[in-house]
Each structure stands twice: as structure tokens, then as C-alpha cells.
Protein backbone atom coordinates (compact mmCIF):
# COMPACT_ATOMS: atom_id res chain seq x y z
CA VAL A 1 -6.63 8.74 10.47
CA GLU A 2 -5.62 12.41 10.64
CA ASP A 3 -8.24 13.14 13.27
CA PHE A 4 -6.37 10.96 15.76
CA PHE A 5 -3.32 13.16 15.42
CA LEU A 6 -5.13 16.47 15.31
CA MET A 7 -7.25 15.72 18.36
CA GLY A 8 -4.49 14.00 20.30
CA LYS A 9 -6.37 10.71 20.49
CA LEU A 10 -3.43 8.69 19.23
CA TYR A 11 -1.89 8.59 22.68
CA SER A 12 -5.05 8.01 24.69
CA ASN A 13 -6.34 5.04 22.65
CA GLN A 14 -4.85 1.60 23.17
CA LYS A 15 -5.55 0.44 19.62
CA ILE A 16 -6.10 2.06 16.27
CA THR A 17 -7.53 -0.01 13.44
CA TYR A 18 -7.96 0.80 9.76
CA LYS A 19 -10.40 -1.39 7.88
CA MET A 20 -12.77 -0.80 4.98
CA LYS A 21 -16.14 -2.40 5.82
CA LYS A 22 -18.21 -2.30 2.60
CA GLU A 23 -18.02 -5.46 0.49
CA SER A 24 -16.00 -4.32 -2.48
CA ILE A 25 -13.26 -5.23 -4.92
CA ILE A 26 -10.84 -3.50 -7.22
CA LEU A 27 -10.78 -5.00 -10.71
CA GLU A 28 -7.60 -4.35 -12.72
CA ILE A 29 -7.44 -4.81 -16.49
CA ARG A 30 -4.04 -4.76 -18.23
CA ALA A 31 -2.98 -5.06 -21.85
CA SER A 32 -0.57 -7.97 -22.31
CA GLU A 33 -0.01 -9.43 -25.79
CA GLY A 34 -1.35 -8.08 -29.06
CA GLY A 35 0.05 -4.58 -29.33
CA SER A 36 -2.36 -1.73 -30.00
CA ASP A 37 -5.44 -3.96 -30.18
CA SER A 38 -4.71 -5.32 -26.71
CA LYS A 39 -4.94 -1.75 -25.42
CA LEU A 40 -8.26 -1.24 -27.22
CA ILE A 41 -9.60 -4.43 -25.68
CA VAL A 42 -8.83 -3.07 -22.19
CA VAL A 43 -11.38 -0.32 -22.89
CA ASP A 44 -13.89 -2.83 -24.30
CA MET A 45 -13.57 -4.99 -21.20
CA MET A 46 -13.94 -1.96 -18.96
CA ASN A 47 -17.27 -1.22 -20.66
CA ILE A 48 -18.39 -4.84 -20.24
CA TYR A 49 -17.63 -4.78 -16.51
CA LEU A 50 -19.30 -1.40 -16.02
CA LYS A 51 -22.37 -2.66 -17.84
CA SER A 52 -22.47 -5.81 -15.71
CA ALA A 53 -22.30 -3.60 -12.60
CA ARG A 54 -25.32 -1.59 -13.75
CA VAL A 55 -27.28 -4.75 -14.60
CA ASN A 56 -26.58 -6.19 -11.12
CA ASN A 57 -27.06 -2.91 -9.22
CA PHE A 58 -23.44 -2.78 -8.03
CA GLU A 59 -21.75 0.52 -7.31
CA SER A 60 -18.90 1.26 -9.69
CA SER A 61 -16.22 3.88 -10.12
CA ILE A 62 -13.22 4.11 -12.44
CA LEU A 63 -10.14 4.63 -10.26
CA GLU A 64 -7.59 4.89 -13.08
CA ASN A 65 -7.86 4.88 -16.85
CA ARG A 66 -4.73 5.15 -18.96
CA GLU A 67 -3.57 3.53 -22.16
CA GLY A 68 -3.40 -0.23 -21.62
CA TYR A 69 -4.60 -0.15 -18.00
CA VAL A 70 -7.88 0.39 -16.15
CA SER A 71 -8.81 -0.15 -12.51
CA ILE A 72 -12.43 -0.18 -11.38
CA TRP A 73 -13.88 -0.10 -7.86
CA LEU A 74 -16.99 -2.28 -7.55
CA ALA A 75 -19.15 -2.61 -4.44
CA GLY A 76 -22.36 -4.24 -3.32
CA LYS A 77 -23.74 -7.40 -1.76
CA GLY A 78 -22.40 -10.42 -3.63
CA VAL A 79 -19.82 -8.46 -5.63
CA LYS A 80 -16.95 -10.73 -4.57
CA SER A 81 -18.63 -13.95 -5.65
CA TYR A 82 -19.89 -12.40 -8.90
CA TYR A 83 -16.49 -11.19 -10.11
CA GLY A 84 -14.41 -13.71 -8.17
CA ASN A 85 -13.67 -15.88 -11.22
CA GLU A 86 -12.65 -13.08 -13.59
CA GLY A 87 -8.97 -13.19 -12.68
CA GLY A 88 -6.58 -14.53 -15.31
CA GLY A 89 -5.69 -14.18 -18.98
CA HIS A 90 -8.49 -13.26 -21.39
CA ARG A 91 -7.72 -14.17 -25.01
CA TRP A 92 -9.51 -12.21 -27.72
CA ILE A 93 -9.61 -13.37 -31.35
CA ARG A 94 -11.05 -10.65 -33.56
CA THR A 95 -10.51 -8.23 -36.39
CA PRO A 96 -9.53 -4.93 -34.72
CA TYR A 97 -11.39 -1.72 -35.52
CA THR A 98 -8.13 -0.30 -36.84
CA GLU A 99 -7.34 -3.24 -39.14
CA LYS A 100 -7.48 -2.15 -42.79
CA ASN A 101 -6.80 -5.55 -44.40
CA ASN A 102 -9.48 -7.49 -42.48
CA ARG A 103 -6.89 -9.66 -40.74
CA THR A 104 -7.72 -11.51 -37.55
CA HIS A 105 -5.58 -10.73 -34.48
CA THR A 106 -5.11 -12.67 -31.26
CA SER A 107 -4.55 -10.55 -28.14
CA ILE A 108 -4.24 -11.22 -24.42
CA VAL A 109 -5.58 -8.99 -21.66
CA THR A 110 -5.14 -9.88 -17.98
CA VAL A 111 -7.63 -9.30 -15.18
CA ALA A 112 -6.77 -9.28 -11.47
CA ILE A 113 -9.22 -9.02 -8.57
CA ILE A 114 -8.12 -7.27 -5.36
CA ASP A 115 -10.24 -7.49 -2.24
CA SER A 116 -10.52 -3.85 -1.24
CA ASP A 117 -12.56 -4.62 1.91
CA ASN A 118 -9.30 -5.68 3.54
CA GLN A 119 -7.02 -3.57 1.41
CA PHE A 120 -5.02 -2.52 4.42
CA HIS A 121 -5.38 -3.46 8.07
CA PHE A 122 -3.03 -2.01 10.68
CA GLU A 123 -3.26 -2.23 14.44
CA PHE A 124 -1.16 -0.10 16.76
CA ASP A 125 -1.14 -1.40 20.33
CA ARG A 126 0.72 0.69 22.92
CA SER A 127 0.82 -2.21 25.36
CA LYS A 128 3.38 -3.86 23.08
CA VAL A 129 5.80 -0.95 23.45
CA ILE A 130 8.41 -0.47 26.18
CA ARG A 131 8.96 3.18 27.08
CA LYS A 132 12.24 4.32 28.58
CA CYS A 133 13.67 7.75 29.35
CA ILE A 134 17.45 8.03 29.01
CA ARG A 135 20.02 10.80 29.07
CA SER A 136 20.50 12.72 25.90
CA SER A 137 23.81 12.39 24.10
CA GLY A 138 25.83 14.52 21.73
CA LYS A 139 26.09 18.30 21.58
CA GLY A 140 24.03 20.48 23.84
CA GLY A 141 26.03 21.10 26.97
CA GLN A 142 25.92 19.57 30.41
CA SER A 143 22.35 20.67 31.10
CA VAL A 144 21.15 18.49 28.24
CA ASN A 145 23.40 15.51 28.84
CA LYS A 146 22.57 15.34 32.57
CA THR A 147 18.80 15.18 32.12
CA SER A 148 16.79 12.15 31.05
CA SER A 149 14.91 14.03 28.35
CA CYS A 150 15.62 11.49 25.58
CA VAL A 151 12.68 9.10 25.06
CA GLN A 152 13.29 5.59 23.74
CA LEU A 153 10.42 3.40 22.54
CA THR A 154 10.95 -0.27 21.73
CA HIS A 155 8.23 -2.34 20.07
CA GLN A 156 8.07 -6.07 20.85
CA SER A 157 8.96 -6.74 17.20
CA GLY A 158 12.36 -5.14 17.84
CA VAL A 159 11.64 -1.84 16.10
CA GLN A 160 13.06 1.01 18.16
CA VAL A 161 12.99 4.80 17.98
CA LYS A 162 14.63 7.52 20.06
CA CYS A 163 13.91 11.21 20.30
CA GLN A 164 16.05 13.91 21.88
CA ASP A 165 15.01 16.73 19.57
CA THR A 166 14.09 19.07 22.42
CA ARG A 167 14.85 19.53 26.13
CA ASP A 168 11.19 18.84 26.90
CA GLN A 169 10.68 15.16 27.73
CA ASN A 170 6.95 15.30 27.01
CA LYS A 171 7.51 16.83 23.60
CA ASN A 172 10.17 14.23 22.80
CA GLU A 173 7.78 11.46 23.80
CA GLU A 174 5.08 12.81 21.53
CA ILE A 175 7.51 12.92 18.61
CA ALA A 176 8.79 9.42 19.40
CA TRP A 177 5.27 7.95 19.37
CA ASP A 178 4.64 9.57 15.99
CA ARG A 179 7.88 8.15 14.60
CA LEU A 180 7.22 4.66 15.94
CA PHE A 181 3.67 4.69 14.62
CA ASN A 182 4.79 5.72 11.12
CA LYS A 183 7.70 3.27 11.10
CA LEU A 184 5.53 0.29 12.06
CA LYS A 185 2.80 1.34 9.64
CA SER A 186 5.34 1.57 6.81
CA ILE A 187 6.64 -1.94 7.58
CA GLU A 188 3.10 -3.38 7.52
CA GLU A 189 2.29 -1.53 4.30
CA ASP A 190 5.34 -3.08 2.61
CA LYS A 191 4.20 -6.53 3.75
CA PHE A 192 0.72 -5.87 2.43
CA LYS A 193 2.00 -4.69 -0.96
CA LYS A 194 3.95 -7.93 -1.33
CA LEU A 195 0.83 -9.97 -0.53
CA VAL A 196 -1.13 -8.02 -3.15
CA TYR A 197 1.63 -8.57 -5.70
CA ASP A 198 1.76 -12.30 -4.96
CA ASP A 199 -2.02 -12.56 -5.23
CA ARG A 200 -2.05 -10.67 -8.53
CA PHE A 201 0.73 -12.85 -9.95
CA SER A 202 -1.11 -16.03 -8.91
CA GLN A 203 -4.09 -14.84 -10.99
CA VAL A 204 -2.35 -13.64 -14.16
CA GLY A 205 0.95 -15.58 -14.10
CA ASN A 206 3.29 -14.50 -16.87
CA SER A 207 0.34 -13.55 -19.12
CA SER A 208 1.30 -16.09 -21.79
CA ARG A 209 -1.21 -17.43 -24.29
CA SER A 210 -1.12 -20.85 -22.62
CA GLN A 211 -2.39 -19.36 -19.33
CA LYS A 212 -5.74 -18.19 -20.69
CA ARG A 213 -8.79 -18.02 -18.48
CA ARG A 214 -11.32 -17.18 -21.15
CA THR A 215 -11.45 -17.02 -24.95
CA TYR A 216 -13.51 -14.47 -26.90
CA ARG A 217 -14.05 -15.51 -30.53
CA VAL A 218 -15.77 -12.34 -31.60
CA LYS A 219 -16.42 -13.19 -35.27
CA ASP A 220 -18.01 -16.52 -34.26
CA ASP A 221 -20.01 -14.81 -31.48
CA ILE A 222 -18.66 -17.28 -28.89
CA VAL A 223 -17.07 -16.81 -25.47
CA ILE A 224 -15.61 -19.87 -23.73
CA ASP A 225 -14.67 -20.07 -20.05
CA HIS A 226 -11.87 -22.58 -19.59
CA LEU A 227 -12.40 -23.00 -15.85
CA THR A 228 -16.14 -23.73 -15.80
CA ASN A 229 -16.18 -25.26 -19.33
CA LYS A 230 -19.20 -23.13 -20.17
CA GLU A 231 -19.78 -20.97 -23.20
CA THR A 232 -22.20 -18.29 -24.31
CA THR A 233 -22.49 -15.70 -27.05
CA PHE A 234 -20.25 -12.68 -27.25
CA ARG A 235 -23.41 -10.63 -27.57
CA ASN A 236 -24.52 -11.76 -24.10
CA ILE A 237 -21.15 -10.95 -22.55
CA SER A 238 -21.07 -7.52 -24.20
CA ARG A 239 -24.39 -6.88 -22.46
CA GLY A 240 -22.80 -7.61 -19.09
CA LYS A 241 -24.29 -11.06 -18.52
CA LEU A 242 -21.16 -12.64 -17.05
CA GLU A 243 -23.21 -15.05 -14.92
CA LEU A 244 -23.86 -17.16 -18.04
CA LEU A 245 -20.28 -18.42 -17.72
CA PHE A 246 -20.45 -19.29 -14.00
């Protein structure tokens, strides 16, 4: 992106497109209900997903790891279909490592899948912009106000910018294009963030116990998927064999 500005290509190209091409996802794991054990489970689930990536020869990288939250980048052919059904509430029933009285706890952890291949797509088309040079206004004397050095750019969406920072029309135009580009990009980024939020909410809902996607009964060595109605052992899942629940 920066190269376009540094090399001056922003103004010679008709369109600029940002798009990640490798098939990849971002998998987010969040602690929900269950207090401290829910946060421990986030780490356990991170290890399960990383192990499944190694077993299936997917690329993996931890993007963020803090208490109660982990995000993992996963890439490779078939990665979307493999992890596509992980989104939702994951209910764990177990005795936590930190439990001294051998009591069983029930905790909820949520998983959301974000398609990072199309994480952000922005197209800037100069043909959709009307350029107009007008007289500068305000302070600066008659020499400024009598010249058409102010550049006004109006995008077909209605977004408009003006620049009269200098007496040089060409310099003002360069600044105006930068401002319009950044303004339109910011608007599209806000729209994209809302779409991501809506998609994430559709997967995890309000994270209540009734909205569970999967149940892990660790003591009984059973994991049940409530969407596919399949079950397998917790031992298999801990080894990264998620496909047994597909």
C-alpha cells in the first residue's frame, strides 16, 4: 500500500485493490462463563486447534494470546471447510486443574471464525470522482483569492474534500487525492468492521449455556457435537482429530 504513495503510482493507476489471496481464516477463542477455569480452557482449546493444524499440514500462527482470549491464523487448502463448523459456544464439564475439592465445573468458551482471505477489500476508482478547481477563500490576500488554486474532489457517493493549503494547484490536488483516498478507505473499513461484528455475533450469540455448539464431558471422555449429532472421545479431540465430529 505504501509503495503506491512513495512511488507516486496512486495518481497514475485507475484502481487500487487490497485483497489477501491465500485461503486462510482467523480463529478467535474467548472465555465466556465459568470464571478462571473458562480462561484456562481457552488455552486448552488453543492447543487442540494448533495440534489439529499440525496433523492436517495447515500453517498456523498465534496472532494474540492474553488471559481469556486467543486468536490464531490458520492457512492451507481446505482450511475453511475444516474449521468452518467450529463457531459457537463450547461447553466444558470438568474438574479444573486448580480445583482442590474435586468439584466439577461447567464453563463456556466461544469460538468465532473470520474469513481472513477477504478480511478487507477496498477499491479506489478515480473515474468516479469529479475534479474541480475553484478560487481559494479566507485569509491570504488578493493574490490567493483571485486564483483557482483550491482543488475540490467529489466522489459519486457524495464524499467531498477540498484543499487550499498552498498556492500551488498541483500540490493542493495531490493533497486532496490523499485526503479523499483516506476518507473513503476509512468509511469502507467501518462498514467492514460492522460486518465482522455481525458475523461474529451470529456465531456466538450471547454466549449463554443454551446456545452451545459442542459439549466436552472430560471425565466421561466424551465430546458431543450438537449440530452434526456426532460424538467421539475427548482423547481423540485432544489429539486434534476434529474431523471425527464432522
